[in-house]
Amino acid sequence: MIIYLVKAINILKVGFDYENQILEIEFRLNVMHHYFEVPLDGFVAFMKADDVDEFYFNFIQYNYHFDSF
């Protein structure tokens, strides 16, 4: 998994496991979520979004099953 730092208010780092379609998001409050069955094009759109936080709230948060760490 490759981890990327992002410029966002709530999100610190984002990673993506291409083989297993797992999106990893590390929040600034020291919480990490793994979102499952996220397609590659969804990850790419997330990383290209003008506002990563807004994209997360609108397209990821409630659309994919996740585990918290």
PDB file of N, CA and C in Angstrom:
ATOM      1  N   MET A   1       0.851  -1.174   0.000  1.00  0.00           N
ATOM      2  CA  MET A   1       0.000   0.000   0.000  1.00  0.00           C
ATOM      3  C   MET A   1       0.895   1.235   0.000  1.00  0.00           C
ATOM      4  N   ILE A   2       0.581   2.152  -0.888  1.00  0.00           N
ATOM      5  CA  ILE A   2       1.290   3.426  -0.942  1.00  0.00           C
ATOM      6  C   ILE A   2       0.455   4.442  -0.174  1.00  0.00           C
ATOM      7  N   ILE A   3       1.116   5.210   0.696  1.00  0.00           N
ATOM      8  CA  ILE A   3       0.439   6.196   1.532  1.00  0.00           C
ATOM      9  C   ILE A   3       0.754   7.595   0.999  1.00  0.00           C
ATOM     10  N   TYR A   4      -0.272   8.438   0.922  1.00  0.00           N
ATOM     11  CA  TYR A   4      -0.123   9.803   0.435  1.00  0.00           C
ATOM     12  C   TYR A   4      -0.549  10.784   1.520  1.00  0.00           C
ATOM     13  N   LEU A   5       0.236  11.840   1.716  1.00  0.00           N
ATOM     14  CA  LEU A   5      -0.191  12.943   2.566  1.00  0.00           C
ATOM     15  C   LEU A   5      -1.143  13.803   1.750  1.00  0.00           C
ATOM     16  N   VAL A   6      -2.202  14.291   2.380  1.00  0.00           N
ATOM     17  CA  VAL A   6      -3.158  15.139   1.672  1.00  0.00           C
ATOM     18  C   VAL A   6      -3.335  16.451   2.425  1.00  0.00           C
ATOM     19  N   LYS A   7      -3.729  17.472   1.687  1.00  0.00           N
ATOM     20  CA  LYS A   7      -4.019  18.771   2.289  1.00  0.00           C
ATOM     21  C   LYS A   7      -5.510  18.831   2.567  1.00  0.00           C
ATOM     22  N   ALA A   8      -5.859  18.610   3.819  1.00  0.00           N
ATOM     23  CA  ALA A   8      -7.267  18.595   4.210  1.00  0.00           C
ATOM     24  C   ALA A   8      -7.369  18.980   5.680  1.00  0.00           C
ATOM     25  N   ILE A   9      -8.532  19.406   6.071  1.00  0.00           N
ATOM     26  CA  ILE A   9      -8.757  19.799   7.461  1.00  0.00           C
ATOM     27  C   ILE A   9      -8.854  18.577   8.362  1.00  0.00           C
ATOM     28  N   ASN A  10      -9.586  17.563   7.938  1.00  0.00           N
ATOM     29  CA  ASN A  10      -9.856  16.400   8.782  1.00  0.00           C
ATOM     30  C   ASN A  10      -9.005  15.174   8.475  1.00  0.00           C
ATOM     31  N   ILE A  11      -8.469  15.097   7.275  1.00  0.00           N
ATOM     32  CA  ILE A  11      -7.753  13.901   6.825  1.00  0.00           C
ATOM     33  C   ILE A  11      -6.266  14.203   6.711  1.00  0.00           C
ATOM     34  N   LEU A  12      -5.457  13.299   7.247  1.00  0.00           N
ATOM     35  CA  LEU A  12      -4.006  13.479   7.222  1.00  0.00           C
ATOM     36  C   LEU A  12      -3.352  12.678   6.095  1.00  0.00           C
ATOM     37  N   LYS A  13      -3.701  11.375   6.009  1.00  0.00           N
ATOM     38  CA  LYS A  13      -3.073  10.487   5.028  1.00  0.00           C
ATOM     39  C   LYS A  13      -4.116   9.593   4.371  1.00  0.00           C
ATOM     40  N   VAL A  14      -3.807   9.203   3.141  1.00  0.00           N
ATOM     41  CA  VAL A  14      -4.680   8.308   2.385  1.00  0.00           C
ATOM     42  C   VAL A  14      -3.806   7.243   1.735  1.00  0.00           C
ATOM     43  N   GLY A  15      -4.252   6.013   1.801  1.00  0.00           N
ATOM     44  CA  GLY A  15      -3.549   4.924   1.140  1.00  0.00           C
ATOM     45  C   GLY A  15      -4.540   4.069   0.370  1.00  0.00           C
ATOM     46  N   PHE A  16      -4.022   3.300  -0.588  1.00  0.00           N
ATOM     47  CA  PHE A  16      -4.906   2.440  -1.362  1.00  0.00           C
ATOM     48  C   PHE A  16      -4.210   1.129  -1.665  1.00  0.00           C
ATOM     49  N   ASP A  17      -4.886   0.036  -1.357  1.00  0.00           N
ATOM     50  CA  ASP A  17      -4.423  -1.317  -1.668  1.00  0.00           C
ATOM     51  C   ASP A  17      -5.126  -1.734  -2.957  1.00  0.00           C
ATOM     52  N   TYR A  18      -4.386  -1.709  -4.068  1.00  0.00           N
ATOM     53  CA  TYR A  18      -4.961  -1.978  -5.385  1.00  0.00           C
ATOM     54  C   TYR A  18      -5.504  -3.396  -5.508  1.00  0.00           C
ATOM     55  N   GLU A  19      -4.782  -4.361  -4.972  1.00  0.00           N
ATOM     56  CA  GLU A  19      -5.194  -5.761  -5.103  1.00  0.00           C
ATOM     57  C   GLU A  19      -6.485  -6.065  -4.358  1.00  0.00           C
ATOM     58  N   ASN A  20      -6.633  -5.503  -3.177  1.00  0.00           N
ATOM     59  CA  ASN A  20      -7.793  -5.811  -2.328  1.00  0.00           C
ATOM     60  C   ASN A  20      -8.857  -4.723  -2.313  1.00  0.00           C
ATOM     61  N   GLN A  21      -8.632  -3.645  -3.051  1.00  0.00           N
ATOM     62  CA  GLN A  21      -9.563  -2.514  -3.138  1.00  0.00           C
ATOM     63  C   GLN A  21      -9.920  -1.975  -1.752  1.00  0.00           C
ATOM     64  N   ILE A  22      -8.875  -1.708  -0.966  1.00  0.00           N
ATOM     65  CA  ILE A  22      -9.066  -1.142   0.368  1.00  0.00           C
ATOM     66  C   ILE A  22      -8.512   0.275   0.377  1.00  0.00           C
ATOM     67  N   LEU A  23      -9.354   1.212   0.744  1.00  0.00           N
ATOM     68  CA  LEU A  23      -8.965   2.605   0.900  1.00  0.00           C
ATOM     69  C   LEU A  23      -8.699   2.848   2.377  1.00  0.00           C
ATOM     70  N   GLU A  24      -7.497   3.291   2.694  1.00  0.00           N
ATOM     71  CA  GLU A  24      -7.128   3.581   4.078  1.00  0.00           C
ATOM     72  C   GLU A  24      -7.106   5.091   4.262  1.00  0.00           C
ATOM     73  N   ILE A  25      -7.806   5.571   5.281  1.00  0.00           N
ATOM     74  CA  ILE A  25      -7.819   6.998   5.581  1.00  0.00           C
ATOM     75  C   ILE A  25      -7.404   7.185   7.030  1.00  0.00           C
ATOM     76  N   GLU A  26      -6.365   7.988   7.232  1.00  0.00           N
ATOM     77  CA  GLU A  26      -5.945   8.350   8.585  1.00  0.00           C
ATOM     78  C   GLU A  26      -6.399   9.782   8.841  1.00  0.00           C
ATOM     79  N   PHE A  27      -7.194   9.939   9.865  1.00  0.00           N
ATOM     80  CA  PHE A  27      -7.732  11.244  10.219  1.00  0.00           C
ATOM     81  C   PHE A  27      -6.795  11.956  11.191  1.00  0.00           C
ATOM     82  N   ARG A  28      -6.909  13.253  11.268  1.00  0.00           N
ATOM     83  CA  ARG A  28      -6.052  14.046  12.148  1.00  0.00           C
ATOM     84  C   ARG A  28      -6.293  13.745  13.629  1.00  0.00           C
ATOM     85  N   LEU A  29      -7.405  13.131  13.960  1.00  0.00           N
ATOM     86  CA  LEU A  29      -7.718  12.800  15.352  1.00  0.00           C
ATOM     87  C   LEU A  29      -7.191  11.415  15.738  1.00  0.00           C
ATOM     88  N   ASN A  30      -6.180  10.922  15.003  1.00  0.00           N
ATOM     89  CA  ASN A  30      -5.545   9.625  15.276  1.00  0.00           C
ATOM     90  C   ASN A  30      -6.503   8.450  15.179  1.00  0.00           C
ATOM     91  N   VAL A  31      -7.423   8.517  14.242  1.00  0.00           N
ATOM     92  CA  VAL A  31      -8.335   7.417  13.937  1.00  0.00           C
ATOM     93  C   VAL A  31      -8.047   6.995  12.502  1.00  0.00           C
ATOM     94  N   MET A  32      -8.057   5.687  12.260  1.00  0.00           N
ATOM     95  CA  MET A  32      -7.837   5.187  10.911  1.00  0.00           C
ATOM     96  C   MET A  32      -9.018   4.317  10.504  1.00  0.00           C
ATOM     97  N   HIS A  33      -9.473   4.495   9.269  1.00  0.00           N
ATOM     98  CA  HIS A  33     -10.544   3.671   8.718  1.00  0.00           C
ATOM     99  C   HIS A  33     -10.024   2.946   7.486  1.00  0.00           C
ATOM    100  N   HIS A  34     -10.447   1.706   7.328  1.00  0.00           N
ATOM    101  CA  HIS A  34     -10.235   0.946   6.096  1.00  0.00           C
ATOM    102  C   HIS A  34     -11.593   0.773   5.443  1.00  0.00           C
ATOM    103  N   TYR A  35     -11.753   1.301   4.231  1.00  0.00           N
ATOM    104  CA  TYR A  35     -12.994   1.185   3.466  1.00  0.00           C
ATOM    105  C   TYR A  35     -12.804   0.082   2.430  1.00  0.00           C
ATOM    106  N   PHE A  36     -13.788  -0.800   2.329  1.00  0.00           N
ATOM    107  CA  PHE A  36     -13.667  -2.002   1.509  1.00  0.00           C
ATOM    108  C   PHE A  36     -14.426  -1.884   0.193  1.00  0.00           C
ATOM    109  N   GLU A  37     -13.895  -2.581  -0.823  1.00  0.00           N
ATOM    110  CA  GLU A  37     -14.487  -2.644  -2.160  1.00  0.00           C
ATOM    111  C   GLU A  37     -14.578  -1.272  -2.820  1.00  0.00           C
ATOM    112  N   VAL A  38     -13.552  -0.470  -2.612  1.00  0.00           N
ATOM    113  CA  VAL A  38     -13.474   0.843  -3.257  1.00  0.00           C
ATOM    114  C   VAL A  38     -12.772   0.645  -4.599  1.00  0.00           C
ATOM    115  N   PRO A  39     -13.418   1.000  -5.701  1.00  0.00           N
ATOM    116  CA  PRO A  39     -12.787   0.811  -7.011  1.00  0.00           C
ATOM    117  C   PRO A  39     -11.646   1.806  -7.229  1.00  0.00           C
ATOM    118  N   LEU A  40     -10.728   1.439  -8.095  1.00  0.00           N
ATOM    119  CA  LEU A  40      -9.586   2.300  -8.395  1.00  0.00           C
ATOM    120  C   LEU A  40     -10.030   3.682  -8.859  1.00  0.00           C
ATOM    121  N   ASP A  41     -11.050   3.752  -9.715  1.00  0.00           N
ATOM    122  CA  ASP A  41     -11.490   5.062 -10.204  1.00  0.00           C
ATOM    123  C   ASP A  41     -12.064   5.922  -9.074  1.00  0.00           C
ATOM    124  N   GLY A  42     -12.634   5.299  -8.049  1.00  0.00           N
ATOM    125  CA  GLY A  42     -13.103   6.049  -6.881  1.00  0.00           C
ATOM    126  C   GLY A  42     -11.944   6.635  -6.102  1.00  0.00           C
ATOM    127  N   PHE A  43     -10.877   5.861  -5.951  1.00  0.00           N
ATOM    128  CA  PHE A  43      -9.674   6.354  -5.281  1.00  0.00           C
ATOM    129  C   PHE A  43      -9.057   7.504  -6.067  1.00  0.00           C
ATOM    130  N   VAL A  44      -8.944   7.349  -7.374  1.00  0.00           N
ATOM    131  CA  VAL A  44      -8.354   8.393  -8.216  1.00  0.00           C
ATOM    132  C   VAL A  44      -9.175   9.675  -8.120  1.00  0.00           C
ATOM    133  N   ALA A  45     -10.490   9.570  -8.178  1.00  0.00           N
ATOM    134  CA  ALA A  45     -11.351  10.753  -8.055  1.00  0.00           C
ATOM    135  C   ALA A  45     -11.165  11.416  -6.696  1.00  0.00           C
ATOM    136  N   PHE A  46     -11.048  10.617  -5.652  1.00  0.00           N
ATOM    137  CA  PHE A  46     -10.818  11.135  -4.303  1.00  0.00           C
ATOM    138  C   PHE A  46      -9.520  11.935  -4.249  1.00  0.00           C
ATOM    139  N   MET A  47      -8.461  11.387  -4.798  1.00  0.00           N
ATOM    140  CA  MET A  47      -7.161  12.053  -4.758  1.00  0.00           C
ATOM    141  C   MET A  47      -7.115  13.302  -5.638  1.00  0.00           C
ATOM    142  N   LYS A  48      -7.930  13.347  -6.679  1.00  0.00           N
ATOM    143  CA  LYS A  48      -7.959  14.506  -7.573  1.00  0.00           C
ATOM    144  C   LYS A  48      -8.950  15.580  -7.131  1.00  0.00           C
ATOM    145  N   ALA A  49      -9.735  15.296  -6.115  1.00  0.00           N
ATOM    146  CA  ALA A  49     -10.779  16.226  -5.683  1.00  0.00           C
ATOM    147  C   ALA A  49     -10.175  17.552  -5.222  1.00  0.00           C
ATOM    148  N   ASP A  50     -10.865  18.632  -5.541  1.00  0.00           N
ATOM    149  CA  ASP A  50     -10.431  19.953  -5.079  1.00  0.00           C
ATOM    150  C   ASP A  50     -10.487  20.045  -3.560  1.00  0.00           C
ATOM    151  N   ASP A  51     -11.468  19.389  -2.960  1.00  0.00           N
ATOM    152  CA  ASP A  51     -11.641  19.386  -1.505  1.00  0.00           C
ATOM    153  C   ASP A  51     -11.784  17.935  -1.047  1.00  0.00           C
ATOM    154  N   VAL A  52     -10.711  17.381  -0.520  1.00  0.00           N
ATOM    155  CA  VAL A  52     -10.678  15.974  -0.114  1.00  0.00           C
ATOM    156  C   VAL A  52     -11.711  15.695   0.973  1.00  0.00           C
ATOM    157  N   ASP A  53     -11.832  16.599   1.941  1.00  0.00           N
ATOM    158  CA  ASP A  53     -12.814  16.412   3.015  1.00  0.00           C
ATOM    159  C   ASP A  53     -14.235  16.345   2.465  1.00  0.00           C
ATOM    160  N   GLU A  54     -14.563  17.256   1.579  1.00  0.00           N
ATOM    161  CA  GLU A  54     -15.908  17.287   0.996  1.00  0.00           C
ATOM    162  C   GLU A  54     -16.176  16.014   0.196  1.00  0.00           C
ATOM    163  N   PHE A  55     -15.202  15.578  -0.587  1.00  0.00           N
ATOM    164  CA  PHE A  55     -15.364  14.344  -1.360  1.00  0.00           C
ATOM    165  C   PHE A  55     -15.595  13.168  -0.420  1.00  0.00           C
ATOM    166  N   TYR A  56     -14.833  13.108   0.646  1.00  0.00           N
ATOM    167  CA  TYR A  56     -15.005  12.032   1.627  1.00  0.00           C
ATOM    168  C   TYR A  56     -16.429  12.019   2.178  1.00  0.00           C
ATOM    169  N   PHE A  57     -16.900  13.166   2.635  1.00  0.00           N
ATOM    170  CA  PHE A  57     -18.237  13.232   3.230  1.00  0.00           C
ATOM    171  C   PHE A  57     -19.341  12.927   2.218  1.00  0.00           C
ATOM    172  N   ASN A  58     -19.159  13.317   0.973  1.00  0.00           N
ATOM    173  CA  ASN A  58     -20.203  13.128  -0.039  1.00  0.00           C
ATOM    174  C   ASN A  58     -20.179  11.765  -0.730  1.00  0.00           C
ATOM    175  N   PHE A  59     -19.006  11.160  -0.881  1.00  0.00           N
ATOM    176  CA  PHE A  59     -18.912   9.966  -1.718  1.00  0.00           C
ATOM    177  C   PHE A  59     -18.324   8.721  -1.048  1.00  0.00           C
ATOM    178  N   ILE A  60     -17.686   8.873   0.089  1.00  0.00           N
ATOM    179  CA  ILE A  60     -17.031   7.716   0.704  1.00  0.00           C
ATOM    180  C   ILE A  60     -17.657   7.331   2.034  1.00  0.00           C
ATOM    181  N   GLN A  61     -17.848   8.279   2.911  1.00  0.00           N
ATOM    182  CA  GLN A  61     -18.228   8.006   4.294  1.00  0.00           C
ATOM    183  C   GLN A  61     -19.372   7.012   4.448  1.00  0.00           C
ATOM    184  N   TYR A  62     -20.453   7.186   3.721  1.00  0.00           N
ATOM    185  CA  TYR A  62     -21.625   6.326   3.889  1.00  0.00           C
ATOM    186  C   TYR A  62     -21.839   5.342   2.737  1.00  0.00           C
ATOM    187  N   ASN A  63     -20.915   5.303   1.796  1.00  0.00           N
ATOM    188  CA  ASN A  63     -21.095   4.440   0.629  1.00  0.00           C
ATOM    189  C   ASN A  63     -20.298   3.145   0.671  1.00  0.00           C
ATOM    190  N   TYR A  64     -19.392   3.011   1.629  1.00  0.00           N
ATOM    191  CA  TYR A  64     -18.561   1.814   1.718  1.00  0.00           C
ATOM    192  C   TYR A  64     -18.507   1.322   3.158  1.00  0.00           C
ATOM    193  N   HIS A  65     -18.486   0.004   3.301  1.00  0.00           N
ATOM    194  CA  HIS A  65     -18.317  -0.602   4.628  1.00  0.00           C
ATOM    195  C   HIS A  65     -16.889  -0.318   5.097  1.00  0.00           C
ATOM    196  N   PHE A  66     -16.720  -0.072   6.408  1.00  0.00           N
ATOM    197  CA  PHE A  66     -15.379   0.203   6.916  1.00  0.00           C
ATOM    198  C   PHE A  66     -15.166  -0.394   8.300  1.00  0.00           C
ATOM    199  N   ASP A  67     -13.895  -0.521   8.647  1.00  0.00           N
ATOM    200  CA  ASP A  67     -13.467  -0.875   9.995  1.00  0.00           C
ATOM    201  C   ASP A  67     -12.629   0.273  10.525  1.00  0.00           C
ATOM    202  N   SER A  68     -12.731   0.540  11.816  1.00  0.00           N
ATOM    203  CA  SER A  68     -11.935   1.583  12.469  1.00  0.00           C
ATOM    204  C   SER A  68     -10.772   0.960  13.221  1.00  0.00           C
ATOM    205  N   PHE A  69      -9.674   1.690  13.256  1.00  0.00           N
ATOM    206  CA  PHE A  69      -8.488   1.242  13.989  1.00  0.00           C
ATOM    207  C   PHE A  69      -8.029   2.339  14.922  1.00  0.00           C
TER     208      PHE A  69
END
